[in-house]
Amino acid sequence: MTKQTTTYSKLILRGSTAALGLALLAGCASQSRITQQAHPDDPYESFNRSIYSFNDGLDRAVFKPVATAYQEVTPKPVRTGVTNFFSNLGDAWSFVNNLLQGRGADALDSMVRFNVNTVFGLGGMLDIASEMRIQRHKQDFGLTLGSWGVKTGPYLVLPFLGPSTIRDTVALPVDWKGSLIGQINDIPVRNSLTGLGLVDKRASLLNAGEVLDAAALDPYSFTRDVYLQVRSQRIVPRKGQVEDEDAGKLPEEY
């Protein structure tokens, strides 16, 4: 690595750190206003809004332009193949989580999808399984914990990663290690696949982002409410358990 590249990397890191610091200060300045309109699932709203502002600024400056360029220069069939490839990798982890949740039929679907698309779909670039009407049952370890009765905990906005909860944040390392990409030992290959996956995901959300900017009076609240609702609806309690009526809250002892 050259001295010029090292200096440039340091400047980017310092700039991101400074932007994050300014966002936190802005959030603290508006704490009294936010406290008056506190959301029961979002006790750290002031801090979360600060991180949201940082993420939004970073997205507009870096991620959105990169995703837009990717969408403009990459032919749609290629983009579809890339999306299918990463979805196919996700089916392998969904298989594990469906098993952990005791959802045998869904686990079987996930396993069949992965095998069919990997073998007959050019490593997952073609979604043959969907053409065969084999349903996708997307799951992750956060949803698995929820099916086991673990409460969500408060809503969180993570730097760079976006919406989450205490439960989903705790599950992130397990999701990473359990994913097929996370098990690749070749660091350059692993990082390249991770980067391509992020760009592909952001490109798929470009239209949704425009709708959010145009329709939502408060994009932060809209994003939070949709995230919490969607995550709650995707959890299927195990036998003998009831729905989490206190979604977003810590147990009383906390």
C-alpha atoms as a PDB file:
ATOM      1  CA  MET A   1       0.000   0.000   0.000  1.00  0.00           C
ATOM      2  CA  THR A   2       1.470   3.381  -1.010  1.00  0.00           C
ATOM      3  CA  LYS A   3       1.901   6.331   1.295  1.00  0.00           C
ATOM      4  CA  GLN A   4      -0.603   8.312  -0.785  1.00  0.00           C
ATOM      5  CA  THR A   5      -3.245   5.581  -0.452  1.00  0.00           C
ATOM      6  CA  THR A   6      -2.680   5.361   3.297  1.00  0.00           C
ATOM      7  CA  THR A   7      -3.077   9.123   3.664  1.00  0.00           C
ATOM      8  CA  TYR A   8      -6.250   9.071   1.579  1.00  0.00           C
ATOM      9  CA  SER A   9      -7.727   6.253   3.694  1.00  0.00           C
ATOM     10  CA  LYS A  10      -6.964   8.177   6.877  1.00  0.00           C
ATOM     11  CA  LEU A  11      -8.711  11.270   5.499  1.00  0.00           C
ATOM     12  CA  ILE A  12     -11.833   9.237   4.691  1.00  0.00           C
ATOM     13  CA  LEU A  13     -11.840   7.679   8.170  1.00  0.00           C
ATOM     14  CA  ARG A  14     -11.401  11.055   9.850  1.00  0.00           C
ATOM     15  CA  GLY A  15     -14.135  12.575   7.710  1.00  0.00           C
ATOM     16  CA  SER A  16     -16.580   9.791   8.565  1.00  0.00           C
ATOM     17  CA  THR A  17     -15.717  10.073  12.262  1.00  0.00           C
ATOM     18  CA  ALA A  18     -16.241  13.828  12.205  1.00  0.00           C
ATOM     19  CA  ALA A  19     -19.573  13.453  10.414  1.00  0.00           C
ATOM     20  CA  LEU A  20     -20.715  10.880  12.955  1.00  0.00           C
ATOM     21  CA  GLY A  21     -19.694  13.198  15.796  1.00  0.00           C
ATOM     22  CA  LEU A  22     -21.625  16.113  14.317  1.00  0.00           C
ATOM     23  CA  ALA A  23     -24.678  13.892  13.861  1.00  0.00           C
ATOM     24  CA  LEU A  24     -24.519  12.840  17.516  1.00  0.00           C
ATOM     25  CA  LEU A  25     -24.269  16.469  18.637  1.00  0.00           C
ATOM     26  CA  ALA A  26     -27.252  17.382  16.490  1.00  0.00           C
ATOM     27  CA  GLY A  27     -29.257  14.556  18.033  1.00  0.00           C
ATOM     28  CA  CYS A  28     -28.378  15.663  21.557  1.00  0.00           C
ATOM     29  CA  ALA A  29     -29.451  19.211  20.757  1.00  0.00           C
ATOM     30  CA  SER A  30     -32.916  17.972  19.776  1.00  0.00           C
ATOM     31  CA  GLN A  31     -33.289  15.583  22.728  1.00  0.00           C
ATOM     32  CA  SER A  32     -35.945  17.597  24.567  1.00  0.00           C
ATOM     33  CA  ARG A  33     -38.148  17.801  21.463  1.00  0.00           C
ATOM     34  CA  ILE A  34     -37.912  14.069  20.804  1.00  0.00           C
ATOM     35  CA  THR A  35     -38.512  13.094  24.429  1.00  0.00           C
ATOM     36  CA  GLN A  36     -41.926  14.776  24.311  1.00  0.00           C
ATOM     37  CA  GLN A  37     -42.961  12.467  21.453  1.00  0.00           C
ATOM     38  CA  ALA A  38     -41.247   9.313  22.697  1.00  0.00           C
ATOM     39  CA  HIS A  39     -42.152   6.064  20.960  1.00  0.00           C
ATOM     40  CA  PRO A  40     -42.612   3.159  23.415  1.00  0.00           C
ATOM     41  CA  ASP A  41     -40.375   0.885  21.327  1.00  0.00           C
ATOM     42  CA  ASP A  42     -37.735   3.569  20.791  1.00  0.00           C
ATOM     43  CA  PRO A  43     -36.409   4.816  24.157  1.00  0.00           C
ATOM     44  CA  TYR A  44     -33.085   5.824  22.556  1.00  0.00           C
ATOM     45  CA  GLU A  45     -34.714   7.921  19.835  1.00  0.00           C
ATOM     46  CA  SER A  46     -32.386  10.886  20.220  1.00  0.00           C
ATOM     47  CA  PHE A  47     -29.300   8.729  19.708  1.00  0.00           C
ATOM     48  CA  ASN A  48     -30.994   6.713  16.964  1.00  0.00           C
ATOM     49  CA  ARG A  49     -31.933   9.839  15.030  1.00  0.00           C
ATOM     50  CA  SER A  50     -28.320  10.966  15.193  1.00  0.00           C
ATOM     51  CA  ILE A  51     -27.109   7.697  13.708  1.00  0.00           C
ATOM     52  CA  TYR A  52     -29.924   7.796  11.147  1.00  0.00           C
ATOM     53  CA  SER A  53     -28.793  11.260  10.014  1.00  0.00           C
ATOM     54  CA  PHE A  54     -25.207  10.034   9.724  1.00  0.00           C
ATOM     55  CA  ASN A  55     -26.264   6.966   7.726  1.00  0.00           C
ATOM     56  CA  ASP A  56     -28.512   9.052   5.481  1.00  0.00           C
ATOM     57  CA  GLY A  57     -25.724  11.517   4.727  1.00  0.00           C
ATOM     58  CA  LEU A  58     -23.279   8.707   3.997  1.00  0.00           C
ATOM     59  CA  ASP A  59     -25.834   6.981   1.800  1.00  0.00           C
ATOM     60  CA  ARG A  60     -26.507  10.103  -0.267  1.00  0.00           C
ATOM     61  CA  ALA A  61     -22.784  10.817  -0.625  1.00  0.00           C
ATOM     62  CA  VAL A  62     -21.481   7.303  -1.308  1.00  0.00           C
ATOM     63  CA  PHE A  63     -23.829   4.323  -1.405  1.00  0.00           C
ATOM     64  CA  LYS A  64     -26.690   5.766  -3.460  1.00  0.00           C
ATOM     65  CA  PRO A  65     -24.415   7.157  -6.233  1.00  0.00           C
ATOM     66  CA  VAL A  66     -22.548   3.836  -6.428  1.00  0.00           C
ATOM     67  CA  ALA A  67     -25.821   1.875  -6.577  1.00  0.00           C
ATOM     68  CA  THR A  68     -27.207   4.251  -9.210  1.00  0.00           C
ATOM     69  CA  ALA A  69     -24.090   3.865 -11.359  1.00  0.00           C
ATOM     70  CA  TYR A  70     -24.251   0.082 -10.947  1.00  0.00           C
ATOM     71  CA  GLN A  71     -27.878   0.070 -12.068  1.00  0.00           C
ATOM     72  CA  GLU A  72     -27.160   2.297 -15.068  1.00  0.00           C
ATOM     73  CA  VAL A  73     -24.122   0.438 -16.436  1.00  0.00           C
ATOM     74  CA  THR A  74     -25.098  -3.150 -15.609  1.00  0.00           C
ATOM     75  CA  PRO A  75     -27.614  -4.867 -17.923  1.00  0.00           C
ATOM     76  CA  LYS A  76     -30.810  -5.933 -16.189  1.00  0.00           C
ATOM     77  CA  PRO A  77     -30.299  -9.682 -16.851  1.00  0.00           C
ATOM     78  CA  VAL A  78     -26.898  -9.463 -15.163  1.00  0.00           C
ATOM     79  CA  ARG A  79     -28.339  -7.580 -12.182  1.00  0.00           C
ATOM     80  CA  THR A  80     -31.111 -10.151 -11.884  1.00  0.00           C
ATOM     81  CA  GLY A  81     -28.520 -12.922 -11.920  1.00  0.00           C
ATOM     82  CA  VAL A  82     -26.508 -11.220  -9.173  1.00  0.00           C
ATOM     83  CA  THR A  83     -29.636 -10.778  -7.041  1.00  0.00           C
ATOM     84  CA  ASN A  84     -30.574 -14.424  -7.577  1.00  0.00           C
ATOM     85  CA  PHE A  85     -27.049 -15.523  -6.649  1.00  0.00           C
ATOM     86  CA  PHE A  86     -27.122 -13.799  -3.258  1.00  0.00           C
ATOM     87  CA  SER A  87     -30.711 -14.886  -2.601  1.00  0.00           C
ATOM     88  CA  ASN A  88     -29.641 -18.460  -3.257  1.00  0.00           C
ATOM     89  CA  LEU A  89     -26.816 -18.160  -0.727  1.00  0.00           C
ATOM     90  CA  GLY A  90     -29.385 -16.838   1.744  1.00  0.00           C
ATOM     91  CA  ASP A  91     -31.565 -19.911   1.240  1.00  0.00           C
ATOM     92  CA  ALA A  92     -28.831 -22.067   2.790  1.00  0.00           C
ATOM     93  CA  TRP A  93     -28.906 -20.040   6.033  1.00  0.00           C
ATOM     94  CA  SER A  94     -32.710 -19.889   5.908  1.00  0.00           C
ATOM     95  CA  PHE A  95     -32.684 -23.703   5.848  1.00  0.00           C
ATOM     96  CA  VAL A  96     -30.729 -23.772   9.125  1.00  0.00           C
ATOM     97  CA  ASN A  97     -32.980 -21.206  10.813  1.00  0.00           C
ATOM     98  CA  ASN A  98     -36.180 -22.882   9.667  1.00  0.00           C
ATOM     99  CA  LEU A  99     -34.858 -26.096  11.210  1.00  0.00           C
ATOM    100  CA  LEU A 100     -34.025 -24.290  14.463  1.00  0.00           C
ATOM    101  CA  GLN A 101     -37.565 -22.921  14.517  1.00  0.00           C
ATOM    102  CA  GLY A 102     -39.083 -26.369  14.024  1.00  0.00           C
ATOM    103  CA  ARG A 103     -40.518 -25.454  10.617  1.00  0.00           C
ATOM    104  CA  GLY A 104     -39.732 -28.684   8.818  1.00  0.00           C
ATOM    105  CA  ALA A 105     -41.693 -28.025   5.628  1.00  0.00           C
ATOM    106  CA  ASP A 106     -40.144 -24.576   5.199  1.00  0.00           C
ATOM    107  CA  ALA A 107     -36.682 -25.997   5.889  1.00  0.00           C
ATOM    108  CA  LEU A 108     -37.237 -28.629   3.197  1.00  0.00           C
ATOM    109  CA  ASP A 109     -38.295 -25.938   0.720  1.00  0.00           C
ATOM    110  CA  SER A 110     -35.166 -23.919   1.519  1.00  0.00           C
ATOM    111  CA  MET A 111     -32.909 -26.942   1.070  1.00  0.00           C
ATOM    112  CA  VAL A 112     -34.548 -27.943  -2.217  1.00  0.00           C
ATOM    113  CA  ARG A 113     -34.374 -24.353  -3.494  1.00  0.00           C
ATOM    114  CA  PHE A 114     -30.669 -24.119  -2.732  1.00  0.00           C
ATOM    115  CA  ASN A 115     -29.817 -27.465  -4.320  1.00  0.00           C
ATOM    116  CA  VAL A 116     -31.937 -26.933  -7.436  1.00  0.00           C
ATOM    117  CA  ASN A 117     -30.694 -23.400  -8.096  1.00  0.00           C
ATOM    118  CA  THR A 118     -27.073 -24.246  -7.344  1.00  0.00           C
ATOM    119  CA  VAL A 119     -26.982 -27.327  -9.581  1.00  0.00           C
ATOM    120  CA  PHE A 120     -29.350 -26.350 -12.394  1.00  0.00           C
ATOM    121  CA  GLY A 121     -29.329 -22.560 -12.087  1.00  0.00           C
ATOM    122  CA  LEU A 122     -25.671 -21.807 -12.814  1.00  0.00           C
ATOM    123  CA  GLY A 123     -24.694 -21.573  -9.169  1.00  0.00           C
ATOM    124  CA  GLY A 124     -27.844 -19.662  -8.283  1.00  0.00           C
ATOM    125  CA  MET A 125     -27.761 -17.075 -11.086  1.00  0.00           C
ATOM    126  CA  LEU A 126     -31.026 -18.525 -12.407  1.00  0.00           C
ATOM    127  CA  ASP A 127     -33.982 -18.971 -10.046  1.00  0.00           C
ATOM    128  CA  ILE A 128     -35.196 -22.323 -11.341  1.00  0.00           C
ATOM    129  CA  ALA A 129     -36.830 -23.159  -7.994  1.00  0.00           C
ATOM    130  CA  SER A 130     -39.276 -20.253  -8.221  1.00  0.00           C
ATOM    131  CA  GLU A 131     -40.287 -21.389 -11.708  1.00  0.00           C
ATOM    132  CA  MET A 132     -40.982 -24.772 -10.103  1.00  0.00           C
ATOM    133  CA  ARG A 133     -43.171 -22.918  -7.544  1.00  0.00           C
ATOM    134  CA  ILE A 134     -40.968 -23.848  -4.614  1.00  0.00           C
ATOM    135  CA  GLN A 135     -41.558 -21.073  -2.117  1.00  0.00           C
ATOM    136  CA  ARG A 136     -38.796 -19.047  -0.475  1.00  0.00           C
ATOM    137  CA  HIS A 137     -38.993 -18.830   3.333  1.00  0.00           C
ATOM    138  CA  LYS A 138     -36.393 -16.232   4.239  1.00  0.00           C
ATOM    139  CA  GLN A 139     -35.230 -16.467   7.852  1.00  0.00           C
ATOM    140  CA  ASP A 140     -32.352 -15.238  10.000  1.00  0.00           C
ATOM    141  CA  PHE A 141     -31.152 -15.829  13.544  1.00  0.00           C
ATOM    142  CA  GLY A 142     -32.924 -12.746  14.886  1.00  0.00           C
ATOM    143  CA  LEU A 143     -36.239 -14.214  13.751  1.00  0.00           C
ATOM    144  CA  THR A 144     -35.204 -17.570  15.199  1.00  0.00           C
ATOM    145  CA  LEU A 145     -34.613 -15.954  18.591  1.00  0.00           C
ATOM    146  CA  GLY A 146     -38.025 -14.315  18.278  1.00  0.00           C
ATOM    147  CA  SER A 147     -39.667 -17.661  17.564  1.00  0.00           C
ATOM    148  CA  TRP A 148     -38.027 -18.970  20.750  1.00  0.00           C
ATOM    149  CA  GLY A 149     -39.728 -16.219  22.730  1.00  0.00           C
ATOM    150  CA  VAL A 150     -36.813 -13.775  23.020  1.00  0.00           C
ATOM    151  CA  LYS A 151     -38.224 -10.250  23.132  1.00  0.00           C
ATOM    152  CA  THR A 152     -37.061  -7.694  20.592  1.00  0.00           C
ATOM    153  CA  GLY A 153     -35.657  -5.175  23.039  1.00  0.00           C
ATOM    154  CA  PRO A 154     -35.591  -1.481  22.104  1.00  0.00           C
ATOM    155  CA  TYR A 155     -35.257  -0.276  18.543  1.00  0.00           C
ATOM    156  CA  LEU A 156     -31.731   0.644  17.444  1.00  0.00           C
ATOM    157  CA  VAL A 157     -30.168   2.315  14.423  1.00  0.00           C
ATOM    158  CA  LEU A 158     -26.687   0.926  13.808  1.00  0.00           C
ATOM    159  CA  PRO A 159     -23.934   2.941  12.084  1.00  0.00           C
ATOM    160  CA  PHE A 160     -23.641   1.844   8.425  1.00  0.00           C
ATOM    161  CA  LEU A 161     -26.121  -1.041   8.947  1.00  0.00           C
ATOM    162  CA  GLY A 162     -29.358   0.833   9.654  1.00  0.00           C
ATOM    163  CA  PRO A 163     -32.527  -0.346  11.479  1.00  0.00           C
ATOM    164  CA  SER A 164     -32.241  -3.072  14.099  1.00  0.00           C
ATOM    165  CA  THR A 165     -33.277  -4.024  17.623  1.00  0.00           C
ATOM    166  CA  ILE A 166     -31.361  -5.344  20.615  1.00  0.00           C
ATOM    167  CA  ARG A 167     -32.316  -8.909  19.669  1.00  0.00           C
ATOM    168  CA  ASP A 168     -31.453  -8.505  15.994  1.00  0.00           C
ATOM    169  CA  THR A 169     -28.147  -6.828  16.851  1.00  0.00           C
ATOM    170  CA  VAL A 170     -27.148  -9.716  19.123  1.00  0.00           C
ATOM    171  CA  ALA A 171     -28.018 -12.091  16.266  1.00  0.00           C
ATOM    172  CA  LEU A 172     -25.858 -10.314  13.669  1.00  0.00           C
ATOM    173  CA  PRO A 173     -22.555 -12.111  14.463  1.00  0.00           C
ATOM    174  CA  VAL A 174     -24.337 -15.473  14.271  1.00  0.00           C
ATOM    175  CA  ASP A 175     -25.920 -14.512  10.947  1.00  0.00           C
ATOM    176  CA  TRP A 176     -22.515 -13.505   9.593  1.00  0.00           C
ATOM    177  CA  LYS A 177     -20.707 -16.655  10.728  1.00  0.00           C
ATOM    178  CA  GLY A 178     -23.587 -18.838   9.572  1.00  0.00           C
ATOM    179  CA  SER A 179     -23.739 -17.335   6.096  1.00  0.00           C
ATOM    180  CA  LEU A 180     -21.814 -19.005   3.294  1.00  0.00           C
ATOM    181  CA  ILE A 181     -19.934 -15.784   2.534  1.00  0.00           C
ATOM    182  CA  GLY A 182     -18.888 -15.474   6.171  1.00  0.00           C
ATOM    183  CA  GLN A 183     -17.260 -18.901   5.942  1.00  0.00           C
ATOM    184  CA  ILE A 184     -14.961 -17.960   3.054  1.00  0.00           C
ATOM    185  CA  ASN A 185     -11.362 -17.820   4.306  1.00  0.00           C
ATOM    186  CA  ASP A 186      -9.996 -15.908   1.314  1.00  0.00           C
ATOM    187  CA  ILE A 187     -10.368 -12.328   2.594  1.00  0.00           C
ATOM    188  CA  PRO A 188     -10.236 -10.508  -0.792  1.00  0.00           C
ATOM    189  CA  VAL A 189     -12.882 -12.848  -2.228  1.00  0.00           C
ATOM    190  CA  ARG A 190     -15.042 -12.559   0.883  1.00  0.00           C
ATOM    191  CA  ASN A 191     -14.814  -8.760   0.922  1.00  0.00           C
ATOM    192  CA  SER A 192     -15.513  -8.513  -2.811  1.00  0.00           C
ATOM    193  CA  LEU A 193     -18.641 -10.649  -2.500  1.00  0.00           C
ATOM    194  CA  THR A 194     -19.778  -8.678   0.543  1.00  0.00           C
ATOM    195  CA  GLY A 195     -19.308  -5.392  -1.303  1.00  0.00           C
ATOM    196  CA  LEU A 196     -21.131  -6.628  -4.399  1.00  0.00           C
ATOM    197  CA  GLY A 197     -23.979  -7.890  -2.226  1.00  0.00           C
ATOM    198  CA  LEU A 198     -24.318  -4.495  -0.528  1.00  0.00           C
ATOM    199  CA  VAL A 199     -24.341  -2.641  -3.852  1.00  0.00           C
ATOM    200  CA  ASP A 200     -26.909  -5.059  -5.272  1.00  0.00           C
ATOM    201  CA  LYS A 201     -29.113  -4.644  -2.200  1.00  0.00           C
ATOM    202  CA  ARG A 202     -28.877  -0.846  -2.308  1.00  0.00           C
ATOM    203  CA  ALA A 203     -29.675  -0.802  -6.024  1.00  0.00           C
ATOM    204  CA  SER A 204     -32.826  -2.824  -5.379  1.00  0.00           C
ATOM    205  CA  LEU A 205     -33.979  -0.157  -2.905  1.00  0.00           C
ATOM    206  CA  LEU A 206     -33.483   2.901  -5.133  1.00  0.00           C
ATOM    207  CA  ASN A 207     -37.152   3.202  -6.089  1.00  0.00           C
ATOM    208  CA  ALA A 208     -38.283   2.582  -2.511  1.00  0.00           C
ATOM    209  CA  GLY A 209     -35.961   5.357  -1.325  1.00  0.00           C
ATOM    210  CA  GLU A 210     -37.513   7.828  -3.752  1.00  0.00           C
ATOM    211  CA  VAL A 211     -41.012   6.918  -2.562  1.00  0.00           C
ATOM    212  CA  LEU A 212     -39.902   7.340   1.056  1.00  0.00           C
ATOM    213  CA  ASP A 213     -38.421  10.776   0.377  1.00  0.00           C
ATOM    214  CA  ALA A 214     -41.558  11.900  -1.437  1.00  0.00           C
ATOM    215  CA  ALA A 215     -44.249  10.455   0.833  1.00  0.00           C
ATOM    216  CA  ALA A 216     -42.965  10.362   4.407  1.00  0.00           C
ATOM    217  CA  LEU A 217     -43.242  13.496   6.532  1.00  0.00           C
ATOM    218  CA  ASP A 218     -40.736  11.964   8.937  1.00  0.00           C
ATOM    219  CA  PRO A 219     -38.596   9.342   7.139  1.00  0.00           C
ATOM    220  CA  TYR A 220     -37.024   8.239  10.428  1.00  0.00           C
ATOM    221  CA  SER A 221     -40.366   7.375  12.066  1.00  0.00           C
ATOM    222  CA  PHE A 222     -41.667   5.757   8.888  1.00  0.00           C
ATOM    223  CA  THR A 223     -38.575   3.556   8.558  1.00  0.00           C
ATOM    224  CA  ARG A 224     -38.715   2.555  12.229  1.00  0.00           C
ATOM    225  CA  ASP A 225     -42.413   1.696  12.218  1.00  0.00           C
ATOM    226  CA  VAL A 226     -42.202  -0.343   9.014  1.00  0.00           C
ATOM    227  CA  TYR A 227     -39.125  -2.230  10.237  1.00  0.00           C
ATOM    228  CA  LEU A 228     -40.689  -3.155  13.582  1.00  0.00           C
ATOM    229  CA  GLN A 229     -43.986  -4.175  11.987  1.00  0.00           C
ATOM    230  CA  VAL A 230     -42.409  -6.311   9.265  1.00  0.00           C
ATOM    231  CA  ARG A 231     -40.058  -8.080  11.696  1.00  0.00           C
ATOM    232  CA  SER A 232     -42.928  -8.758  14.097  1.00  0.00           C
ATOM    233  CA  GLN A 233     -45.140 -10.194  11.343  1.00  0.00           C
ATOM    234  CA  ARG A 234     -42.401 -12.548  10.144  1.00  0.00           C
ATOM    235  CA  ILE A 235     -42.023 -14.269  13.514  1.00  0.00           C
ATOM    236  CA  VAL A 236     -43.954 -17.507  13.938  1.00  0.00           C
ATOM    237  CA  PRO A 237     -43.995 -18.567  17.621  1.00  0.00           C
ATOM    238  CA  ARG A 238     -43.184 -22.182  18.412  1.00  0.00           C
ATOM    239  CA  LYS A 239     -45.863 -24.493  19.805  1.00  0.00           C
ATOM    240  CA  GLY A 240     -46.919 -23.546  23.305  1.00  0.00           C
ATOM    241  CA  GLN A 241     -45.759 -19.949  22.938  1.00  0.00           C
ATOM    242  CA  VAL A 242     -47.818 -16.821  22.429  1.00  0.00           C
ATOM    243  CA  GLU A 243     -47.137 -13.767  20.300  1.00  0.00           C
ATOM    244  CA  ASP A 244     -44.824 -11.186  21.828  1.00  0.00           C
ATOM    245  CA  GLU A 245     -47.305  -8.554  22.994  1.00  0.00           C
ATOM    246  CA  ASP A 246     -44.509  -6.343  24.296  1.00  0.00           C
ATOM    247  CA  ALA A 247     -42.515  -6.183  21.058  1.00  0.00           C
ATOM    248  CA  GLY A 248     -39.812  -3.572  21.387  1.00  0.00           C
ATOM    249  CA  LYS A 249     -39.713  -3.603  25.195  1.00  0.00           C
ATOM    250  CA  LEU A 250     -37.236  -5.122  27.580  1.00  0.00           C
ATOM    251  CA  PRO A 251     -38.500  -7.524  30.271  1.00  0.00           C
ATOM    252  CA  GLU A 252     -39.736  -5.791  33.423  1.00  0.00           C
ATOM    253  CA  GLU A 253     -36.627  -6.669  35.405  1.00  0.00           C
ATOM    254  CA  TYR A 254     -34.600  -4.458  33.046  1.00  0.00           C
END
